[in-house]
Full PDB file with SEQRES, HELIX, SHEET, SSBOND, CRYST1, ORIGX, SCALE, CONECT and MASTER records, all heavy atoms in Angstrom:
SEQRES   1 A   43  THR SER ILE SER ARG ASP THR SER LYS ASN GLN PHE THR          
SEQRES   2 A   43  LEU GLN VAL ARG SER VAL THR PRO GLU ASP THR ALA VAL          
SEQRES   3 A   43  TYR TYR CYS ALA ARG ARG PRO ALA SER ARG SER TRP GLY          
SEQRES   4 A   43  THR SER ALA GLY                                              
HELIX    1 AA1 THR A    7  LYS A    9  5                                   3    
HELIX    2 AA2 PRO A   21  ASP A   23  5                                   3    
SHEET    1 AA1 2 SER A   2  ASP A   6  0                                        
SHEET    2 AA1 2 GLN A  11  GLN A  15 -1                                        
CRYST1    1.000    1.000    1.000  90.00  90.00  90.00 P 1           1          
ORIGX1      1.000000  0.000000  0.000000        0.00000                         
ORIGX2      0.000000  1.000000  0.000000        0.00000                         
ORIGX3      0.000000  0.000000  1.000000        0.00000                         
SCALE1      1.000000  0.000000  0.000000        0.00000                         
SCALE2      0.000000  1.000000  0.000000        0.00000                         
SCALE3      0.000000  0.000000  1.000000        0.00000                         
ATOM      1  N   THR A   1     104.998 -21.998 -74.326  1.00  0.00           N  
ATOM      2  CA  THR A   1     105.173 -23.201 -73.536  1.00  0.00           C  
ATOM      3  C   THR A   1     106.443 -23.211 -72.852  1.00  0.00           C  
ATOM      4  O   THR A   1     107.489 -22.774 -73.467  1.00  0.00           O  
ATOM      5  CB  THR A   1     104.908 -24.411 -74.463  1.00  0.00           C  
ATOM      6  OG1 THR A   1     103.681 -24.385 -74.987  1.00  0.00           O  
ATOM      7  CG2 THR A   1     105.182 -25.704 -73.618  1.00  0.00           C  
ATOM      8  N   SER A   2     106.501 -23.695 -71.600  1.00  0.00           N  
ATOM      9  CA  SER A   2     107.794 -23.902 -70.932  1.00  0.00           C  
ATOM     10  C   SER A   2     107.749 -25.207 -70.234  1.00  0.00           C  
ATOM     11  O   SER A   2     106.749 -25.591 -69.656  1.00  0.00           O  
ATOM     12  CB  SER A   2     107.966 -22.767 -69.917  1.00  0.00           C  
ATOM     13  OG  SER A   2     108.076 -21.521 -70.404  1.00  0.00           O  
ATOM     14  N   ILE A   3     108.822 -25.895 -70.260  1.00  0.00           N  
ATOM     15  CA  ILE A   3     109.054 -27.186 -69.557  1.00  0.00           C  
ATOM     16  C   ILE A   3     110.297 -27.051 -68.760  1.00  0.00           C  
ATOM     17  O   ILE A   3     111.336 -26.599 -69.162  1.00  0.00           O  
ATOM     18  CB  ILE A   3     109.218 -28.380 -70.486  1.00  0.00           C  
ATOM     19  CG1 ILE A   3     107.886 -28.508 -71.347  1.00  0.00           C  
ATOM     20  CG2 ILE A   3     109.502 -29.639 -69.829  1.00  0.00           C  
ATOM     21  CD1 ILE A   3     107.987 -29.538 -72.449  1.00  0.00           C  
ATOM     22  N   SER A   4     110.144 -27.383 -67.454  1.00  0.00           N  
ATOM     23  CA  SER A   4     111.238 -27.295 -66.472  1.00  0.00           C  
ATOM     24  C   SER A   4     111.324 -28.606 -65.701  1.00  0.00           C  
ATOM     25  O   SER A   4     110.391 -29.462 -65.768  1.00  0.00           O  
ATOM     26  CB  SER A   4     111.175 -26.112 -65.669  1.00  0.00           C  
ATOM     27  OG  SER A   4     109.902 -25.999 -65.042  1.00  0.00           O  
ATOM     28  N   ARG A   5     112.261 -28.639 -64.764  1.00  0.00           N  
ATOM     29  CA  ARG A   5     112.355 -29.799 -63.968  1.00  0.00           C  
ATOM     30  C   ARG A   5     112.882 -29.465 -62.500  1.00  0.00           C  
ATOM     31  O   ARG A   5     113.465 -28.346 -62.312  1.00  0.00           O  
ATOM     32  CB  ARG A   5     113.124 -30.857 -64.571  1.00  0.00           C  
ATOM     33  CG  ARG A   5     114.642 -30.567 -64.620  1.00  0.00           C  
ATOM     34  CD  ARG A   5     115.446 -31.669 -65.310  1.00  0.00           C  
ATOM     35  NE  ARG A   5     116.900 -31.368 -65.274  1.00  0.00           N  
ATOM     36  CZ  ARG A   5     117.834 -32.249 -65.643  1.00  0.00           C  
ATOM     37  NH1 ARG A   5     117.411 -33.320 -66.158  1.00  0.00           N  
ATOM     38  NH2 ARG A   5     119.091 -31.924 -65.639  1.00  0.00           N  
ATOM     39  N   ASP A   6     112.568 -30.296 -61.629  1.00  0.00           N  
ATOM     40  CA  ASP A   6     113.090 -30.288 -60.224  1.00  0.00           C  
ATOM     41  C   ASP A   6     113.644 -31.598 -59.986  1.00  0.00           C  
ATOM     42  O   ASP A   6     112.950 -32.606 -59.619  1.00  0.00           O  
ATOM     43  CB  ASP A   6     111.994 -29.905 -59.251  1.00  0.00           C  
ATOM     44  CG  ASP A   6     112.478 -29.692 -57.788  1.00  0.00           C  
ATOM     45  OD1 ASP A   6     113.661 -30.206 -57.558  1.00  0.00           O  
ATOM     46  OD2 ASP A   6     111.846 -28.998 -56.971  1.00  0.00           O  
ATOM     47  N   THR A   7     114.925 -31.724 -60.098  1.00  0.00           N  
ATOM     48  CA  THR A   7     115.654 -33.024 -59.900  1.00  0.00           C  
ATOM     49  C   THR A   7     115.518 -33.518 -58.541  1.00  0.00           C  
ATOM     50  O   THR A   7     115.576 -34.733 -58.200  1.00  0.00           O  
ATOM     51  CB  THR A   7     117.065 -32.970 -60.428  1.00  0.00           C  
ATOM     52  OG1 THR A   7     117.738 -31.972 -59.645  1.00  0.00           O  
ATOM     53  CG2 THR A   7     117.133 -32.630 -61.940  1.00  0.00           C  
ATOM     54  N   SER A   8     115.486 -32.655 -57.480  1.00  0.00           N  
ATOM     55  CA  SER A   8     115.387 -33.120 -56.187  1.00  0.00           C  
ATOM     56  C   SER A   8     114.070 -33.788 -55.853  1.00  0.00           C  
ATOM     57  O   SER A   8     114.022 -34.605 -55.007  1.00  0.00           O  
ATOM     58  CB  SER A   8     115.644 -31.842 -55.165  1.00  0.00           C  
ATOM     59  OG  SER A   8     114.472 -30.934 -55.257  1.00  0.00           O  
ATOM     60  N   LYS A   9     113.099 -33.481 -56.650  1.00  0.00           N  
ATOM     61  CA  LYS A   9     111.730 -34.092 -56.457  1.00  0.00           C  
ATOM     62  C   LYS A   9     111.519 -35.063 -57.563  1.00  0.00           C  
ATOM     63  O   LYS A   9     110.422 -35.746 -57.422  1.00  0.00           O  
ATOM     64  CB  LYS A   9     110.559 -33.062 -56.518  1.00  0.00           C  
ATOM     65  CG  LYS A   9     110.720 -32.106 -55.321  1.00  0.00           C  
ATOM     66  CD  LYS A   9     109.634 -31.020 -55.448  1.00  0.00           C  
ATOM     67  CE  LYS A   9     109.688 -30.102 -54.253  1.00  0.00           C  
ATOM     68  NZ  LYS A   9     108.563 -29.027 -54.292  1.00  0.00           N  
ATOM     69  N   ASN A  10     112.448 -35.251 -58.530  1.00  0.00           N  
ATOM     70  CA  ASN A  10     112.273 -36.051 -59.591  1.00  0.00           C  
ATOM     71  C   ASN A  10     110.836 -35.803 -60.394  1.00  0.00           C  
ATOM     72  O   ASN A  10     110.061 -36.667 -60.652  1.00  0.00           O  
ATOM     73  CB  ASN A  10     112.200 -37.677 -59.234  1.00  0.00           C  
ATOM     74  CG  ASN A  10     112.833 -38.509 -60.285  1.00  0.00           C  
ATOM     75  OD1 ASN A  10     113.761 -38.056 -61.009  1.00  0.00           O  
ATOM     76  ND2 ASN A  10     112.318 -39.683 -60.533  1.00  0.00           N  
ATOM     77  N   GLN A  11     110.686 -34.485 -60.584  1.00  0.00           N  
ATOM     78  CA  GLN A  11     109.446 -34.026 -61.232  1.00  0.00           C  
ATOM     79  C   GLN A  11     109.912 -33.143 -62.538  1.00  0.00           C  
ATOM     80  O   GLN A  11     110.889 -32.476 -62.488  1.00  0.00           O  
ATOM     81  CB  GLN A  11     108.623 -33.243 -60.332  1.00  0.00           C  
ATOM     82  CG  GLN A  11     108.119 -33.971 -59.145  1.00  0.00           C  
ATOM     83  CD  GLN A  11     107.355 -33.101 -58.193  1.00  0.00           C  
ATOM     84  OE1 GLN A  11     107.629 -31.896 -58.050  1.00  0.00           O  
ATOM     85  NE2 GLN A  11     106.350 -33.657 -57.498  1.00  0.00           N  
ATOM     86  N   PHE A  12     109.013 -33.088 -63.554  1.00  0.00           N  
ATOM     87  CA  PHE A  12     109.094 -32.078 -64.513  1.00  0.00           C  
ATOM     88  C   PHE A  12     107.774 -31.488 -64.753  1.00  0.00           C  
ATOM     89  O   PHE A  12     106.726 -32.008 -64.472  1.00  0.00           O  
ATOM     90  CB  PHE A  12     109.782 -32.615 -65.801  1.00  0.00           C  
ATOM     91  CG  PHE A  12     108.992 -33.709 -66.479  1.00  0.00           C  
ATOM     92  CD1 PHE A  12     108.212 -33.452 -67.637  1.00  0.00           C  
ATOM     93  CD2 PHE A  12     109.071 -35.049 -66.085  1.00  0.00           C  
ATOM     94  CE1 PHE A  12     107.675 -34.478 -68.303  1.00  0.00           C  
ATOM     95  CE2 PHE A  12     108.417 -36.040 -66.720  1.00  0.00           C  
ATOM     96  CZ  PHE A  12     107.710 -35.718 -67.824  1.00  0.00           C  
ATOM     97  N   THR A  13     107.769 -30.213 -65.168  1.00  0.00           N  
ATOM     98  CA  THR A  13     106.491 -29.487 -65.202  1.00  0.00           C  
ATOM     99  C   THR A  13     106.301 -28.863 -66.589  1.00  0.00           C  
ATOM    100  O   THR A  13     107.146 -28.766 -67.390  1.00  0.00           O  
ATOM    101  CB  THR A  13     106.584 -28.267 -64.185  1.00  0.00           C  
ATOM    102  OG1 THR A  13     107.616 -27.353 -64.524  1.00  0.00           O  
ATOM    103  CG2 THR A  13     106.876 -28.765 -62.790  1.00  0.00           C  
ATOM    104  N   LEU A  14     105.016 -28.594 -66.867  1.00  0.00           N  
ATOM    105  CA  LEU A  14     104.585 -28.001 -68.114  1.00  0.00           C  
ATOM    106  C   LEU A  14     103.795 -26.775 -67.709  1.00  0.00           C  
ATOM    107  O   LEU A  14     103.012 -26.690 -66.829  1.00  0.00           O  
ATOM    108  CB  LEU A  14     103.629 -28.948 -68.794  1.00  0.00           C  
ATOM    109  CG  LEU A  14     102.875 -28.321 -69.991  1.00  0.00           C  
ATOM    110  CD1 LEU A  14     103.929 -28.107 -71.201  1.00  0.00           C  
ATOM    111  CD2 LEU A  14     101.766 -29.304 -70.418  1.00  0.00           C  
ATOM    112  N   GLN A  15     104.147 -25.670 -68.466  1.00  0.00           N  
ATOM    113  CA  GLN A  15     103.336 -24.413 -68.358  1.00  0.00           C  
ATOM    114  C   GLN A  15     102.938 -23.959 -69.740  1.00  0.00           C  
ATOM    115  O   GLN A  15     103.758 -23.885 -70.614  1.00  0.00           O  
ATOM    116  CB  GLN A  15     104.094 -23.378 -67.671  1.00  0.00           C  
ATOM    117  CG  GLN A  15     104.330 -23.580 -66.170  1.00  0.00           C  
ATOM    118  CD  GLN A  15     104.847 -22.343 -65.422  1.00  0.00           C  
ATOM    119  OE1 GLN A  15     105.717 -21.667 -65.962  1.00  0.00           O  
ATOM    120  NE2 GLN A  15     104.290 -22.109 -64.284  1.00  0.00           N  
ATOM    121  N   VAL A  16     101.624 -23.707 -69.866  1.00  0.00           N  
ATOM    122  CA  VAL A  16     101.180 -23.167 -71.223  1.00  0.00           C  
ATOM    123  C   VAL A  16     100.549 -21.938 -70.831  1.00  0.00           C  
ATOM    124  O   VAL A  16      99.509 -21.802 -70.173  1.00  0.00           O  
ATOM    125  CB  VAL A  16     100.270 -24.075 -71.887  1.00  0.00           C  
ATOM    126  CG1 VAL A  16      99.793 -23.580 -73.389  1.00  0.00           C  
ATOM    127  CG2 VAL A  16     100.798 -25.494 -72.100  1.00  0.00           C  
ATOM    128  N   ARG A  17     100.953 -20.794 -71.463  1.00  0.00           N  
ATOM    129  CA  ARG A  17     100.483 -19.474 -71.118  1.00  0.00           C  
ATOM    130  C   ARG A  17      99.369 -19.073 -72.084  1.00  0.00           C  
ATOM    131  O   ARG A  17      99.180 -19.572 -73.208  1.00  0.00           O  
ATOM    132  CB  ARG A  17     101.552 -18.444 -71.280  1.00  0.00           C  
ATOM    133  CG  ARG A  17     102.634 -18.651 -70.243  1.00  0.00           C  
ATOM    134  CD  ARG A  17     103.885 -17.689 -70.404  1.00  0.00           C  
ATOM    135  NE  ARG A  17     104.487 -17.887 -71.633  1.00  0.00           N  
ATOM    136  CZ  ARG A  17     105.532 -18.749 -71.742  1.00  0.00           C  
ATOM    137  NH1 ARG A  17     105.997 -19.521 -70.684  1.00  0.00           N  
ATOM    138  NH2 ARG A  17     106.193 -18.940 -72.943  1.00  0.00           N  
ATOM    139  N   SER A  18      98.578 -18.179 -71.683  1.00  0.00           N  
ATOM    140  CA  SER A  18      97.487 -17.588 -72.445  1.00  0.00           C  
ATOM    141  C   SER A  18      96.641 -18.715 -73.182  1.00  0.00           C  
ATOM    142  O   SER A  18      96.452 -18.712 -74.357  1.00  0.00           O  
ATOM    143  CB  SER A  18      98.123 -16.734 -73.662  1.00  0.00           C  
ATOM    144  OG  SER A  18      98.961 -15.756 -73.096  1.00  0.00           O  
ATOM    145  N   VAL A  19      96.038 -19.605 -72.364  1.00  0.00           N  
ATOM    146  CA  VAL A  19      95.355 -20.681 -72.912  1.00  0.00           C  
ATOM    147  C   VAL A  19      93.996 -20.228 -73.385  1.00  0.00           C  
ATOM    148  O   VAL A  19      93.363 -19.150 -72.979  1.00  0.00           O  
ATOM    149  CB  VAL A  19      95.147 -21.799 -71.755  1.00  0.00           C  
ATOM    150  CG1 VAL A  19      96.471 -22.327 -71.351  1.00  0.00           C  
ATOM    151  CG2 VAL A  19      94.352 -21.357 -70.520  1.00  0.00           C  
ATOM    152  N   THR A  20      93.453 -21.014 -74.280  1.00  0.00           N  
ATOM    153  CA  THR A  20      92.108 -20.847 -74.956  1.00  0.00           C  
ATOM    154  C   THR A  20      91.340 -22.105 -74.757  1.00  0.00           C  
ATOM    155  O   THR A  20      91.967 -23.211 -74.399  1.00  0.00           O  
ATOM    156  CB  THR A  20      92.187 -20.376 -76.311  1.00  0.00           C  
ATOM    157  OG1 THR A  20      92.585 -21.475 -77.183  1.00  0.00           O  
ATOM    158  CG2 THR A  20      93.160 -19.243 -76.547  1.00  0.00           C  
ATOM    159  N   PRO A  21      90.092 -22.120 -75.138  1.00  0.00           N  
ATOM    160  CA  PRO A  21      89.404 -23.486 -75.101  1.00  0.00           C  
ATOM    161  C   PRO A  21      90.029 -24.490 -76.016  1.00  0.00           C  
ATOM    162  O   PRO A  21      89.748 -25.689 -75.747  1.00  0.00           O  
ATOM    163  CB  PRO A  21      87.996 -23.043 -75.539  1.00  0.00           C  
ATOM    164  CG  PRO A  21      87.791 -21.624 -75.028  1.00  0.00           C  
ATOM    165  CD  PRO A  21      89.153 -21.011 -75.234  1.00  0.00           C  
ATOM    166  N   GLU A  22      90.816 -24.163 -77.002  1.00  0.00           N  
ATOM    167  CA  GLU A  22      91.437 -24.969 -77.895  1.00  0.00           C  
ATOM    168  C   GLU A  22      92.545 -25.836 -77.223  1.00  0.00           C  
ATOM    169  O   GLU A  22      93.009 -26.899 -77.728  1.00  0.00           O  
ATOM    170  CB  GLU A  22      92.011 -24.336 -79.063  1.00  0.00           C  
ATOM    171  CG  GLU A  22      90.971 -23.612 -80.026  1.00  0.00           C  
ATOM    172  CD  GLU A  22      90.018 -24.657 -80.553  1.00  0.00           C  
ATOM    173  OE1 GLU A  22      90.414 -25.698 -81.109  1.00  0.00           O  
ATOM    174  OE2 GLU A  22      88.794 -24.340 -80.532  1.00  0.00           O  
ATOM    175  N   ASP A  23      92.967 -25.360 -75.966  1.00  0.00           N  
ATOM    176  CA  ASP A  23      93.952 -26.131 -75.202  1.00  0.00           C  
ATOM    177  C   ASP A  23      93.234 -27.209 -74.388  1.00  0.00           C  
ATOM    178  O   ASP A  23      93.967 -27.894 -73.660  1.00  0.00           O  
ATOM    179  CB  ASP A  23      94.713 -25.196 -74.331  1.00  0.00           C  
ATOM    180  CG  ASP A  23      95.560 -24.198 -75.154  1.00  0.00           C  
ATOM    181  OD1 ASP A  23      96.353 -24.746 -75.909  1.00  0.00           O  
ATOM    182  OD2 ASP A  23      95.503 -23.052 -74.982  1.00  0.00           O  
ATOM    183  N   THR A  24      91.944 -27.325 -74.344  1.00  0.00           N  
ATOM    184  CA  THR A  24      91.236 -28.326 -73.614  1.00  0.00           C  
ATOM    185  C   THR A  24      91.712 -29.781 -74.196  1.00  0.00           C  
ATOM    186  O   THR A  24      91.655 -30.086 -75.407  1.00  0.00           O  
ATOM    187  CB  THR A  24      89.766 -28.279 -73.695  1.00  0.00           C  
ATOM    188  OG1 THR A  24      89.355 -27.032 -73.135  1.00  0.00           O  
ATOM    189  CG2 THR A  24      88.984 -29.417 -73.099  1.00  0.00           C  
ATOM    190  N   ALA A  25      92.069 -30.606 -73.313  1.00  0.00           N  
ATOM    191  CA  ALA A  25      92.691 -31.977 -73.750  1.00  0.00           C  
ATOM    192  C   ALA A  25      93.057 -32.778 -72.566  1.00  0.00           C  
ATOM    193  O   ALA A  25      92.924 -32.288 -71.419  1.00  0.00           O  
ATOM    194  CB  ALA A  25      93.872 -31.730 -74.593  1.00  0.00           C  
ATOM    195  N   VAL A  26      93.268 -34.009 -72.854  1.00  0.00           N  
ATOM    196  CA  VAL A  26      93.819 -34.889 -71.842  1.00  0.00           C  
ATOM    197  C   VAL A  26      95.302 -34.736 -72.063  1.00  0.00           C  
ATOM    198  O   VAL A  26      95.877 -34.922 -73.196  1.00  0.00           O  
ATOM    199  CB  VAL A  26      93.436 -36.394 -72.014  1.00  0.00           C  
ATOM    200  CG1 VAL A  26      94.198 -37.284 -71.014  1.00  0.00           C  
ATOM    201  CG2 VAL A  26      91.922 -36.521 -71.919  1.00  0.00           C  
ATOM    202  N   TYR A  27      96.095 -34.420 -70.943  1.00  0.00           N  
ATOM    203  CA  TYR A  27      97.488 -34.168 -70.897  1.00  0.00           C  
ATOM    204  C   TYR A  27      98.198 -35.522 -70.307  1.00  0.00           C  
ATOM    205  O   TYR A  27      97.834 -35.817 -69.265  1.00  0.00           O  
ATOM    206  CB  TYR A  27      97.820 -32.993 -70.114  1.00  0.00           C  
ATOM    207  CG  TYR A  27      97.484 -31.650 -70.990  1.00  0.00           C  
ATOM    208  CD1 TYR A  27      96.112 -31.223 -71.075  1.00  0.00           C  
ATOM    209  CD2 TYR A  27      98.473 -30.848 -71.562  1.00  0.00           C  
ATOM    210  CE1 TYR A  27      95.813 -30.056 -71.776  1.00  0.00           C  
ATOM    211  CE2 TYR A  27      98.172 -29.791 -72.279  1.00  0.00           C  
ATOM    212  CZ  TYR A  27      96.776 -29.400 -72.380  1.00  0.00           C  
ATOM    213  OH  TYR A  27      96.480 -28.215 -73.103  1.00  0.00           O  
ATOM    214  N   TYR A  28      99.141 -35.834 -71.051  1.00  0.00           N  
ATOM    215  CA  TYR A  28     100.028 -37.069 -70.701  1.00  0.00           C  
ATOM    216  C   TYR A  28     101.499 -36.529 -70.519  1.00  0.00           C  
ATOM    217  O   TYR A  28     101.961 -35.805 -71.259  1.00  0.00           O  
ATOM    218  CB  TYR A  28      99.922 -38.175 -71.679  1.00  0.00           C  
ATOM    219  CG  TYR A  28      98.565 -38.740 -71.914  1.00  0.00           C  
ATOM    220  CD1 TYR A  28      97.838 -38.185 -72.953  1.00  0.00           C  
ATOM    221  CD2 TYR A  28      98.172 -39.705 -71.238  1.00  0.00           C  
ATOM    222  CE1 TYR A  28      96.633 -38.780 -73.326  1.00  0.00           C  
ATOM    223  CE2 TYR A  28      96.893 -40.366 -71.528  1.00  0.00           C  
ATOM    224  CZ  TYR A  28      96.159 -39.790 -72.588  1.00  0.00           C  
ATOM    225  OH  TYR A  28      94.880 -40.274 -72.870  1.00  0.00           O  
ATOM    226  N   CYS A  29     102.127 -37.196 -69.471  1.00  0.00           N  
ATOM    227  CA  CYS A  29     103.600 -37.268 -69.577  1.00  0.00           C  
ATOM    228  C   CYS A  29     104.025 -38.580 -69.952  1.00  0.00           C  
ATOM    229  O   CYS A  29     103.403 -39.645 -69.697  1.00  0.00           O  
ATOM    230  CB  CYS A  29     104.170 -36.763 -68.199  1.00  0.00           C  
ATOM    231  SG  CYS A  29     103.683 -37.637 -66.739  1.00  0.00           S  
ATOM    232  N   ALA A  30     105.095 -38.692 -70.558  1.00  0.00           N  
ATOM    233  CA  ALA A  30     105.655 -39.971 -71.101  1.00  0.00           C  
ATOM    234  C   ALA A  30     107.231 -39.897 -71.299  1.00  0.00           C  
ATOM    235  O   ALA A  30     107.716 -38.864 -71.542  1.00  0.00           O  
ATOM    236  CB  ALA A  30     104.995 -40.306 -72.437  1.00  0.00           C  
ATOM    237  N   ARG A  31     107.772 -41.060 -71.270  1.00  0.00           N  
ATOM    238  CA  ARG A  31     109.256 -41.194 -71.346  1.00  0.00           C  
ATOM    239  C   ARG A  31     109.543 -41.741 -72.754  1.00  0.00           C  
ATOM    240  O   ARG A  31     108.847 -42.659 -73.260  1.00  0.00           O  
ATOM    241  CB  ARG A  31     109.886 -42.136 -70.320  1.00  0.00           C  
ATOM    242  CG  ARG A  31     111.348 -42.171 -70.307  1.00  0.00           C  
ATOM    243  CD  ARG A  31     111.921 -43.112 -69.198  1.00  0.00           C  
ATOM    244  NE  ARG A  31     111.955 -44.392 -69.691  1.00  0.00           N  
ATOM    245  CZ  ARG A  31     112.693 -45.450 -69.060  1.00  0.00           C  
ATOM    246  NH1 ARG A  31     113.489 -45.109 -68.043  1.00  0.00           N  
ATOM    247  NH2 ARG A  31     112.627 -46.648 -69.560  1.00  0.00           N  
ATOM    248  N   ARG A  32     110.550 -41.230 -73.445  1.00  0.00           N  
ATOM    249  CA  ARG A  32     111.027 -41.689 -74.671  1.00  0.00           C  
ATOM    250  C   ARG A  32     112.509 -41.979 -74.606  1.00  0.00           C  
ATOM    251  O   ARG A  32     113.379 -41.056 -74.300  1.00  0.00           O  
ATOM    252  CB  ARG A  32     110.756 -40.735 -75.863  1.00  0.00           C  
ATOM    253  CG  ARG A  32     111.141 -41.224 -77.181  1.00  0.00           C  
ATOM    254  CD  ARG A  32     110.934 -40.259 -78.346  1.00  0.00           C  
ATOM    255  NE  ARG A  32     111.796 -39.141 -78.246  1.00  0.00           N  
ATOM    256  CZ  ARG A  32     113.071 -39.176 -78.640  1.00  0.00           C  
ATOM    257  NH1 ARG A  32     113.575 -40.200 -79.230  1.00  0.00           N  
ATOM    258  NH2 ARG A  32     113.787 -38.048 -78.603  1.00  0.00           N  
ATOM    259  N   PRO A  33     112.964 -43.265 -74.863  1.00  0.00           N  
ATOM    260  CA  PRO A  33     114.441 -43.491 -75.028  1.00  0.00           C  
ATOM    261  C   PRO A  33     114.967 -42.648 -76.207  1.00  0.00           C  
ATOM    262  O   PRO A  33     114.304 -42.499 -77.245  1.00  0.00           O  
ATOM    263  CB  PRO A  33     114.496 -44.907 -75.259  1.00  0.00           C  
ATOM    264  CG  PRO A  33     113.225 -45.446 -74.806  1.00  0.00           C  
ATOM    265  CD  PRO A  33     112.204 -44.443 -75.034  1.00  0.00           C  
ATOM    266  N   ALA A  34     116.212 -42.312 -76.153  1.00  0.00           N  
ATOM    267  CA  ALA A  34     116.847 -41.469 -77.304  1.00  0.00           C  
ATOM    268  C   ALA A  34     116.860 -42.428 -78.576  1.00  0.00           C  
ATOM    269  O   ALA A  34     116.947 -41.776 -79.641  1.00  0.00           O  
ATOM    270  CB  ALA A  34     118.257 -41.139 -76.925  1.00  0.00           C  
ATOM    271  N   SER A  35     116.853 -43.647 -78.459  1.00  0.00           N  
ATOM    272  CA  SER A  35     116.904 -44.538 -79.601  1.00  0.00           C  
ATOM    273  C   SER A  35     115.657 -44.625 -80.289  1.00  0.00           C  
ATOM    274  O   SER A  35     115.615 -45.209 -81.416  1.00  0.00           O  
ATOM    275  CB  SER A  35     117.424 -45.932 -79.209  1.00  0.00           C  
ATOM    276  OG  SER A  35     116.484 -46.486 -78.340  1.00  0.00           O  
ATOM    277  N   ARG A  36     114.499 -44.196 -79.835  1.00  0.00           N  
ATOM    278  CA  ARG A  36     113.148 -44.279 -80.370  1.00  0.00           C  
ATOM    279  C   ARG A  36     112.824 -43.023 -81.257  1.00  0.00           C  
ATOM    280  O   ARG A  36     113.373 -41.940 -80.943  1.00  0.00           O  
ATOM    281  CB  ARG A  36     112.107 -44.530 -79.390  1.00  0.00           C  
ATOM    282  CG  ARG A  36     112.355 -45.595 -78.422  1.00  0.00           C  
ATOM    283  CD  ARG A  36     111.862 -46.930 -79.023  1.00  0.00           C  
ATOM    284  NE  ARG A  36     111.940 -48.009 -78.014  1.00  0.00           N  
ATOM    285  CZ  ARG A  36     110.940 -48.347 -77.374  1.00  0.00           C  
ATOM    286  NH1 ARG A  36     109.770 -47.718 -77.339  1.00  0.00           N  
ATOM    287  NH2 ARG A  36     111.064 -49.250 -76.365  1.00  0.00           N  
ATOM    288  N   SER A  37     111.895 -43.210 -82.203  1.00  0.00           N  
ATOM    289  CA  SER A  37     111.552 -42.120 -82.931  1.00  0.00           C  
ATOM    290  C   SER A  37     110.648 -41.146 -82.226  1.00  0.00           C  
ATOM    291  O   SER A  37     110.046 -41.484 -81.277  1.00  0.00           O  
ATOM    292  CB  SER A  37     110.794 -42.642 -84.321  1.00  0.00           C  
ATOM    293  OG  SER A  37     109.551 -43.327 -83.887  1.00  0.00           O  
ATOM    294  N   TRP A  38     110.648 -39.900 -82.821  1.00  0.00           N  
ATOM    295  CA  TRP A  38     109.911 -38.840 -82.096  1.00  0.00           C  
ATOM    296  C   TRP A  38     108.325 -38.795 -82.511  1.00  0.00           C  
ATOM    297  O   TRP A  38     107.516 -38.348 -81.653  1.00  0.00           O  
ATOM    298  CB  TRP A  38     110.435 -37.401 -82.540  1.00  0.00           C  
ATOM    299  CG  TRP A  38     111.666 -37.102 -82.002  1.00  0.00           C  
ATOM    300  CD1 TRP A  38     112.990 -37.425 -82.359  1.00  0.00           C  
ATOM    301  CD2 TRP A  38     111.951 -36.302 -80.766  1.00  0.00           C  
ATOM    302  NE1 TRP A  38     113.950 -36.924 -81.608  1.00  0.00           N  
ATOM    303  CE2 TRP A  38     113.312 -36.209 -80.527  1.00  0.00           C  
ATOM    304  CE3 TRP A  38     111.136 -35.599 -79.848  1.00  0.00           C  
ATOM    305  CZ2 TRP A  38     113.967 -35.506 -79.518  1.00  0.00           C  
ATOM    306  CZ3 TRP A  38     111.703 -34.962 -78.814  1.00  0.00           C  
ATOM    307  CH2 TRP A  38     113.061 -34.880 -78.633  1.00  0.00           C  
ATOM    308  N   GLY A  39     108.132 -39.296 -83.637  1.00  0.00           N  
ATOM    309  CA  GLY A  39     106.798 -38.985 -84.297  1.00  0.00           C  
ATOM    310  C   GLY A  39     105.591 -39.899 -84.060  1.00  0.00           C  
ATOM    311  O   GLY A  39     104.532 -39.669 -84.481  1.00  0.00           O  
ATOM    312  N   THR A  40     105.835 -41.000 -83.278  1.00  0.00           N  
ATOM    313  CA  THR A  40     104.796 -41.979 -83.059  1.00  0.00           C  
ATOM    314  C   THR A  40     104.630 -42.349 -81.679  1.00  0.00           C  
ATOM    315  O   THR A  40     105.611 -42.097 -80.881  1.00  0.00           O  
ATOM    316  CB  THR A  40     105.010 -43.167 -83.873  1.00  0.00           C  
ATOM    317  OG1 THR A  40     106.068 -43.884 -83.332  1.00  0.00           O  
ATOM    318  CG2 THR A  40     105.248 -42.991 -85.401  1.00  0.00           C  
ATOM    319  N   SER A  41     103.486 -42.778 -81.219  1.00  0.00           N  
ATOM    320  CA  SER A  41     103.191 -43.173 -79.868  1.00  0.00           C  
ATOM    321  C   SER A  41     104.143 -44.402 -79.454  1.00  0.00           C  
ATOM    322  O   SER A  41     104.388 -44.522 -78.172  1.00  0.00           O  
ATOM    323  CB  SER A  41     101.655 -43.526 -79.629  1.00  0.00           C  
ATOM    324  OG  SER A  41     101.296 -44.511 -80.465  1.00  0.00           O  
ATOM    325  N   ALA A  42     104.543 -45.144 -80.473  1.00  0.00           N  
ATOM    326  CA  ALA A  42     105.269 -46.295 -80.079  1.00  0.00           C  
ATOM    327  C   ALA A  42     106.770 -45.867 -79.704  1.00  0.00           C  
ATOM    328  O   ALA A  42     107.457 -46.773 -79.125  1.00  0.00           O  
ATOM    329  CB  ALA A  42     105.508 -47.133 -81.442  1.00  0.00           C  
ATOM    330  N   GLY A  43     107.038 -44.571 -79.833  1.00  0.00           N  
ATOM    331  CA  GLY A  43     108.298 -44.183 -79.364  1.00  0.00           C  
ATOM    332  C   GLY A  43     108.465 -44.051 -77.799  1.00  0.00           C  
ATOM    333  O   GLY A  43     109.614 -43.775 -77.353  1.00  0.00           O  
TER     334      GLY A  43                                                      
MASTER        0    0    0    2    2    0    0    6  333    1    0    4          
END                                                                             
């Protein structure tokens, strides 16, 4: 997995190499403030 960004476009990207059917999913991007916990959706 690689995550990168393009600040000029205000975008960030995800790359997952060598995918298999187990990678089938709904993929979300989301923002987390530093003050929130990592482990729950409430973060």
